[in-house]
PDB file of N, CA and C in Angstrom:
ATOM      1  N   MET A   1      51.387-102.687  -4.483  1.00  0.00           N
ATOM      2  CA  MET A   1      50.211-103.264  -4.625  1.00  0.00           C
ATOM      3  C   MET A   1      50.302-103.827  -5.852  1.00  0.00           C
ATOM      4  N   THR A   2      50.472-104.902  -5.900  1.00  0.00           N
ATOM      5  CA  THR A   2      50.996-106.012  -7.635  1.00  0.00           C
ATOM      6  C   THR A   2      50.043-106.589  -7.521  1.00  0.00           C
ATOM      7  N   VAL A   3      49.799-106.732  -8.960  1.00  0.00           N
ATOM      8  CA  VAL A   3      48.611-108.139  -9.166  1.00  0.00           C
ATOM      9  C   VAL A   3      49.864-109.138  -9.989  1.00  0.00           C
ATOM     10  N   VAL A   4      49.535-110.509 -10.143  1.00  0.00           N
ATOM     11  CA  VAL A   4      50.530-111.423 -10.830  1.00  0.00           C
ATOM     12  C   VAL A   4      49.131-111.957 -11.048  1.00  0.00           C
ATOM     13  N   ARG A   5      50.134-111.770 -12.600  1.00  0.00           N
ATOM     14  CA  ARG A   5      48.359-112.219 -14.043  1.00  0.00           C
ATOM     15  C   ARG A   5      49.428-113.265 -14.397  1.00  0.00           C
ATOM     16  N   ILE A   6      48.308-114.550 -14.707  1.00  0.00           N
ATOM     17  CA  ILE A   6      48.916-115.739 -14.874  1.00  0.00           C
ATOM     18  C   ILE A   6      47.828-115.694 -15.641  1.00  0.00           C
ATOM     19  N   ARG A   7      48.379-116.174 -17.530  1.00  0.00           N
ATOM     20  CA  ARG A   7      47.507-116.500 -18.456  1.00  0.00           C
ATOM     21  C   ARG A   7      47.028-117.883 -18.244  1.00  0.00           C
ATOM     22  N   THR A   8      45.494-118.426 -18.483  1.00  0.00           N
ATOM     23  CA  THR A   8      45.361-119.646 -18.214  1.00  0.00           C
ATOM     24  C   THR A   8      45.111-120.145 -19.515  1.00  0.00           C
ATOM     25  N   SER A   9      44.297-119.295 -20.575  1.00  0.00           N
ATOM     26  CA  SER A   9      44.541-119.790 -21.777  1.00  0.00           C
ATOM     27  C   SER A   9      44.421-118.418 -23.036  1.00  0.00           C
ATOM     28  N   ALA A  10      44.397-118.650 -24.305  1.00  0.00           N
ATOM     29  CA  ALA A  10      44.273-117.860 -25.172  1.00  0.00           C
ATOM     30  C   ALA A  10      43.762-117.775 -26.902  1.00  0.00           C
ATOM     31  N   THR A  11      42.732-117.081 -26.751  1.00  0.00           N
ATOM     32  CA  THR A  11      42.435-117.642 -28.410  1.00  0.00           C
ATOM     33  C   THR A  11      42.328-116.577 -29.622  1.00  0.00           C
ATOM     34  N   HIS A  12      41.973-116.446 -30.476  1.00  0.00           N
ATOM     35  CA  HIS A  12      42.163-115.339 -31.037  1.00  0.00           C
ATOM     36  C   HIS A  12      41.108-114.130 -31.102  1.00  0.00           C
ATOM     37  N   ARG A  13      40.278-115.168 -29.750  1.00  0.00           N
ATOM     38  CA  ARG A  13      39.110-113.942 -29.929  1.00  0.00           C
ATOM     39  C   ARG A  13      38.870-113.649 -28.477  1.00  0.00           C
ATOM     40  N   SER A  14      39.712-114.500 -27.795  1.00  0.00           N
ATOM     41  CA  SER A  14      39.542-114.156 -25.515  1.00  0.00           C
ATOM     42  C   SER A  14      41.425-114.330 -25.125  1.00  0.00           C
ATOM     43  N   VAL A  15      41.200-113.991 -23.995  1.00  0.00           N
ATOM     44  CA  VAL A  15      42.268-114.246 -22.642  1.00  0.00           C
ATOM     45  C   VAL A  15      41.844-114.433 -22.038  1.00  0.00           C
ATOM     46  N   ASN A  16      42.188-115.192 -20.682  1.00  0.00           N
ATOM     47  CA  ASN A  16      41.509-116.263 -19.453  1.00  0.00           C
ATOM     48  C   ASN A  16      42.614-115.729 -18.458  1.00  0.00           C
ATOM     49  N   GLU A  17      42.699-115.422 -17.270  1.00  0.00           N
ATOM     50  CA  GLU A  17      43.803-114.903 -16.642  1.00  0.00           C
ATOM     51  C   GLU A  17      43.171-115.219 -15.536  1.00  0.00           C
ATOM     52  N   HIS A  18      44.610-115.602 -14.106  1.00  0.00           N
ATOM     53  CA  HIS A  18      44.362-115.916 -12.821  1.00  0.00           C
ATOM     54  C   HIS A  18      45.214-115.128 -12.596  1.00  0.00           C
ATOM     55  N   TRP A  19      44.503-113.723 -11.666  1.00  0.00           N
ATOM     56  CA  TRP A  19      45.125-112.955 -10.749  1.00  0.00           C
ATOM     57  C   TRP A  19      45.500-113.537  -9.425  1.00  0.00           C
ATOM     58  N   THR A  20      46.343-113.063  -8.563  1.00  0.00           N
ATOM     59  CA  THR A  20      46.523-112.907  -7.349  1.00  0.00           C
ATOM     60  C   THR A  20      47.808-111.748  -7.011  1.00  0.00           C
ATOM     61  N   SER A  21      46.772-111.520  -5.802  1.00  0.00           N
ATOM     62  CA  SER A  21      47.663-110.101  -5.530  1.00  0.00           C
ATOM     63  C   SER A  21      47.295-110.287  -3.346  1.00  0.00           C
ATOM     64  N   SER A  22      48.171-109.381  -2.764  1.00  0.00           N
ATOM     65  CA  SER A  22      48.036-109.207  -1.142  1.00  0.00           C
ATOM     66  C   SER A  22      47.009-108.751  -0.776  1.00  0.00           C
ATOM     67  N   ASN A  23      46.161-107.984  -1.700  1.00  0.00           N
ATOM     68  CA  ASN A  23      44.895-107.121  -0.939  1.00  0.00           C
ATOM     69  C   ASN A  23      43.901-107.439  -2.402  1.00  0.00           C
ATOM     70  N   ARG A  24      42.502-106.859  -1.695  1.00  0.00           N
ATOM     71  CA  ARG A  24      41.496-106.952  -2.816  1.00  0.00           C
ATOM     72  C   ARG A  24      41.714-105.465  -3.847  1.00  0.00           C
ATOM     73  N   GLU A  25      41.785-104.733  -3.382  1.00  0.00           N
ATOM     74  CA  GLU A  25      42.160-103.398  -3.813  1.00  0.00           C
ATOM     75  C   GLU A  25      42.839-103.407  -4.897  1.00  0.00           C
ATOM     76  N   ALA A  26      43.869-103.912  -4.683  1.00  0.00           N
ATOM     77  CA  ALA A  26      44.529-103.929  -5.842  1.00  0.00           C
ATOM     78  C   ALA A  26      44.088-104.998  -7.215  1.00  0.00           C
ATOM     79  N   ILE A  27      43.686-105.718  -6.809  1.00  0.00           N
ATOM     80  CA  ILE A  27      42.655-106.318  -7.921  1.00  0.00           C
ATOM     81  C   ILE A  27      41.418-105.230  -8.441  1.00  0.00           C
ATOM     82  N   ASP A  28      41.093-104.870  -7.410  1.00  0.00           N
ATOM     83  CA  ASP A  28      39.705-103.832  -7.753  1.00  0.00           C
ATOM     84  C   ASP A  28      41.177-102.798  -8.857  1.00  0.00           C
ATOM     85  N   GLN A  29      41.784-101.633  -8.710  1.00  0.00           N
ATOM     86  CA  GLN A  29      42.342-101.383  -9.423  1.00  0.00           C
ATOM     87  C   GLN A  29      43.266-101.682 -10.190  1.00  0.00           C
ATOM     88  N   GLU A  30      43.278-102.585 -10.837  1.00  0.00           N
ATOM     89  CA  GLU A  30      43.845-103.494 -11.689  1.00  0.00           C
ATOM     90  C   GLU A  30      42.924-103.693 -12.764  1.00  0.00           C
ATOM     91  N   PHE A  31      41.963-104.149 -12.414  1.00  0.00           N
ATOM     92  CA  PHE A  31      40.494-104.390 -13.274  1.00  0.00           C
ATOM     93  C   PHE A  31      39.983-102.786 -14.009  1.00  0.00           C
ATOM     94  N   ALA A  32      39.809-102.318 -12.860  1.00  0.00           N
ATOM     95  CA  ALA A  32      39.935-100.921 -12.928  1.00  0.00           C
ATOM     96  C   ALA A  32      40.502-100.187 -14.742  1.00  0.00           C
ATOM     97  N   SER A  33      41.696-100.409 -14.237  1.00  0.00           N
ATOM     98  CA  SER A  33      42.536 -99.989 -15.337  1.00  0.00           C
ATOM     99  C   SER A  33      42.255-100.924 -16.784  1.00  0.00           C
ATOM    100  N   GLU A  34      42.228-101.928 -16.601  1.00  0.00           N
ATOM    101  CA  GLU A  34      41.734-103.200 -17.844  1.00  0.00           C
ATOM    102  C   GLU A  34      40.402-102.137 -18.168  1.00  0.00           C
ATOM    103  N   GLN A  35      39.590-101.961 -17.661  1.00  0.00           N
ATOM    104  CA  GLN A  35      37.923-101.254 -18.417  1.00  0.00           C
ATOM    105  C   GLN A  35      38.331-100.104 -19.099  1.00  0.00           C
ATOM    106  N   ARG A  36      39.691 -99.039 -18.101  1.00  0.00           N
ATOM    107  CA  ARG A  36      39.698 -97.823 -19.256  1.00  0.00           C
ATOM    108  C   ARG A  36      40.230 -97.909 -20.624  1.00  0.00           C
ATOM    109  N   ALA A  37      41.091 -99.124 -20.223  1.00  0.00           N
ATOM    110  CA  ALA A  37      42.298 -99.760 -21.536  1.00  0.00           C
ATOM    111  C   ALA A  37      41.475-100.100 -22.383  1.00  0.00           C
ATOM    112  N   TYR A  38      40.154-100.825 -22.371  1.00  0.00           N
ATOM    113  CA  TYR A  38      39.169-101.493 -23.444  1.00  0.00           C
ATOM    114  C   TYR A  38      37.971-100.893 -23.509  1.00  0.00           C
ATOM    115  N   PRO A  39      37.559-100.003 -24.569  1.00  0.00           N
ATOM    116  CA  PRO A  39      36.571 -99.275 -24.182  1.00  0.00           C
ATOM    117  C   PRO A  39      35.137-100.766 -24.013  1.00  0.00           C
ATOM    118  N   THR A  40      33.916-100.571 -23.078  1.00  0.00           N
ATOM    119  CA  THR A  40      32.873-101.032 -22.819  1.00  0.00           C
ATOM    120  C   THR A  40      32.017-101.642 -23.975  1.00  0.00           C
ATOM    121  N   GLY A  41      32.082-100.468 -25.044  1.00  0.00           N
ATOM    122  CA  GLY A  41      31.454-100.471 -26.293  1.00  0.00           C
ATOM    123  C   GLY A  41      31.376-102.296 -27.049  1.00  0.00           C
ATOM    124  N   GLY A  42      32.047-102.506 -27.525  1.00  0.00           N
ATOM    125  CA  GLY A  42      32.995-103.704 -28.144  1.00  0.00           C
ATOM    126  C   GLY A  42      33.752-104.859 -26.749  1.00  0.00           C
ATOM    127  N   TYR A  43      34.552-104.766 -25.875  1.00  0.00           N
ATOM    128  CA  TYR A  43      35.323-105.976 -25.623  1.00  0.00           C
ATOM    129  C   TYR A  43      34.136-106.032 -23.955  1.00  0.00           C
ATOM    130  N   GLY A  44      34.693-107.633 -24.428  1.00  0.00           N
ATOM    131  CA  GLY A  44      34.014-108.236 -23.148  1.00  0.00           C
ATOM    132  C   GLY A  44      34.775-108.692 -22.058  1.00  0.00           C
ATOM    133  N   ILE A  45      34.457-107.693 -21.212  1.00  0.00           N
ATOM    134  CA  ILE A  45      35.755-107.521 -20.011  1.00  0.00           C
ATOM    135  C   ILE A  45      34.812-107.876 -18.573  1.00  0.00           C
ATOM    136  N   SER A  46      35.483-109.143 -18.055  1.00  0.00           N
ATOM    137  CA  SER A  46      34.543-109.403 -16.727  1.00  0.00           C
ATOM    138  C   SER A  46      35.704-109.962 -15.702  1.00  0.00           C
ATOM    139  N   ILE A  47      35.303-109.867 -14.498  1.00  0.00           N
ATOM    140  CA  ILE A  47      36.011-110.058 -13.786  1.00  0.00           C
ATOM    141  C   ILE A  47      35.192-111.070 -12.969  1.00  0.00           C
ATOM    142  N   ARG A  48      35.398-112.414 -12.183  1.00  0.00           N
ATOM    143  CA  ARG A  48      34.927-113.333 -11.267  1.00  0.00           C
ATOM    144  C   ARG A  48      35.564-114.362 -10.051  1.00  0.00           C
ATOM    145  N   ASP A  49      34.842-114.627  -9.834  1.00  0.00           N
ATOM    146  CA  ASP A  49      35.311-115.298  -8.411  1.00  0.00           C
ATOM    147  C   ASP A  49      36.358-114.766  -7.557  1.00  0.00           C
ATOM    148  N   VAL A  50      35.842-113.676  -7.430  1.00  0.00           N
ATOM    149  CA  VAL A  50      36.683-113.013  -6.175  1.00  0.00           C
ATOM    150  C   VAL A  50      36.762-113.259  -4.899  1.00  0.00           C
ATOM    151  N   ARG A  51      37.876-113.939  -4.880  1.00  0.00           N
ATOM    152  CA  ARG A  51      37.854-114.740  -3.043  1.00  0.00           C
ATOM    153  C   ARG A  51      39.360-114.476  -2.275  1.00  0.00           C
ATOM    154  N   GLN A  52      39.301-114.793  -1.152  1.00  0.00           N
ATOM    155  CA  GLN A  52      40.344-114.651  -0.270  1.00  0.00           C
ATOM    156  C   GLN A  52      40.774-116.377   0.003  1.00  0.00           C
ATOM    157  N   ASP A  53      42.336-116.790  -0.053  1.00  0.00           N
ATOM    158  CA  ASP A  53      42.465-117.965   0.277  1.00  0.00           C
ATOM    159  C   ASP A  53      42.480-118.577   1.557  1.00  0.00           C
ATOM    160  N   PRO A  54      42.579-119.722   2.089  1.00  0.00           N
ATOM    161  CA  PRO A  54      41.787-119.839   3.533  1.00  0.00           C
ATOM    162  C   PRO A  54      43.671-119.090   4.619  1.00  0.00           C
ATOM    163  N   THR A  55      44.761-118.642   3.836  1.00  0.00           N
ATOM    164  CA  THR A  55      45.638-118.473   5.049  1.00  0.00           C
ATOM    165  C   THR A  55      45.662-117.464   5.127  1.00  0.00           C
ATOM    166  N   GLY A  56      44.434-116.474   4.603  1.00  0.00           N
ATOM    167  CA  GLY A  56      43.902-114.736   4.568  1.00  0.00           C
ATOM    168  C   GLY A  56      45.209-114.357   4.016  1.00  0.00           C
ATOM    169  N   LEU A  57      46.805-114.635   2.852  1.00  0.00           N
ATOM    170  CA  LEU A  57      47.549-113.633   3.076  1.00  0.00           C
ATOM    171  C   LEU A  57      46.844-113.555   1.500  1.00  0.00           C
ATOM    172  N   LEU A  58      46.119-113.758   0.383  1.00  0.00           N
ATOM    173  CA  LEU A  58      46.143-113.893  -0.706  1.00  0.00           C
ATOM    174  C   LEU A  58      44.750-113.520  -1.274  1.00  0.00           C
ATOM    175  N   TRP A  59      44.644-112.922  -1.872  1.00  0.00           N
ATOM    176  CA  TRP A  59      42.998-112.707  -2.923  1.00  0.00           C
ATOM    177  C   TRP A  59      43.327-112.973  -4.282  1.00  0.00           C
ATOM    178  N   HIS A  60      42.771-113.358  -4.923  1.00  0.00           N
ATOM    179  CA  HIS A  60      42.554-114.728  -6.036  1.00  0.00           C
ATOM    180  C   HIS A  60      41.714-114.250  -6.859  1.00  0.00           C
ATOM    181  N   ALA A  61      41.284-114.116  -7.946  1.00  0.00           N
ATOM    182  CA  ALA A  61      39.861-113.702  -9.252  1.00  0.00           C
ATOM    183  C   ALA A  61      40.842-114.501 -10.526  1.00  0.00           C
ATOM    184  N   GLU A  62      39.739-114.376 -11.206  1.00  0.00           N
ATOM    185  CA  GLU A  62      39.515-115.374 -12.579  1.00  0.00           C
ATOM    186  C   GLU A  62      38.809-113.534 -13.571  1.00  0.00           C
ATOM    187  N   PHE A  63      39.718-113.121 -14.903  1.00  0.00           N
ATOM    188  CA  PHE A  63      39.878-112.679 -15.406  1.00  0.00           C
ATOM    189  C   PHE A  63      39.395-112.395 -16.885  1.00  0.00           C
ATOM    190  N   TYR A  64      38.709-112.048 -17.513  1.00  0.00           N
ATOM    191  CA  TYR A  64      37.857-112.481 -18.775  1.00  0.00           C
ATOM    192  C   TYR A  64      38.496-111.637 -19.432  1.00  0.00           C
ATOM    193  N   ARG A  65      39.030-111.204 -21.058  1.00  0.00           N
ATOM    194  CA  ARG A  65      38.511-110.149 -21.644  1.00  0.00           C
ATOM    195  C   ARG A  65      38.278-110.738 -23.348  1.00  0.00           C
ATOM    196  N   MET A  66      37.321-110.073 -24.196  1.00  0.00           N
ATOM    197  CA  MET A  66      37.714-110.564 -25.883  1.00  0.00           C
ATOM    198  C   MET A  66      39.115-109.794 -25.840  1.00  0.00           C
ATOM    199  N   THR A  67      39.822-110.316 -27.251  1.00  0.00           N
ATOM    200  CA  THR A  67      40.446-109.461 -27.830  1.00  0.00           C
ATOM    201  C   THR A  67      40.321-108.626 -29.257  1.00  0.00           C
ATOM    202  N   SER A  68      39.270-109.114 -29.932  1.00  0.00           N
ATOM    203  CA  SER A  68      38.635-107.971 -30.517  1.00  0.00           C
ATOM    204  C   SER A  68      37.340-107.492 -30.249  1.00  0.00           C
ATOM    205  N   CYS A  69      36.989-106.319 -30.776  1.00  0.00           N
ATOM    206  CA  CYS A  69      35.369-105.416 -30.284  1.00  0.00           C
ATOM    207  C   CYS A  69      34.946-106.107 -31.883  1.00  0.00           C
ATOM    208  N   ASP A  70      35.097-106.573 -32.464  1.00  0.00           N
ATOM    209  CA  ASP A  70      34.626-106.858 -34.059  1.00  0.00           C
ATOM    210  C   ASP A  70      33.439-108.003 -33.925  1.00  0.00           C
TER     211      ASP A  70
END
């Protein structure tokens, strides 16, 4: 299960990525890994717009993370 992560924008404050995978579980696992890597006490981490594309073959999601907890 692989998640393809395409960075759509990045600044000194945040990172936005478009995630694609063949199944929803892989996206959920990738997000859980990000949550473990960056403490929720300071980093803003979110995933939104998780959806299956019309073909039914791929799942997509929009990911956001702050790059600093300051």
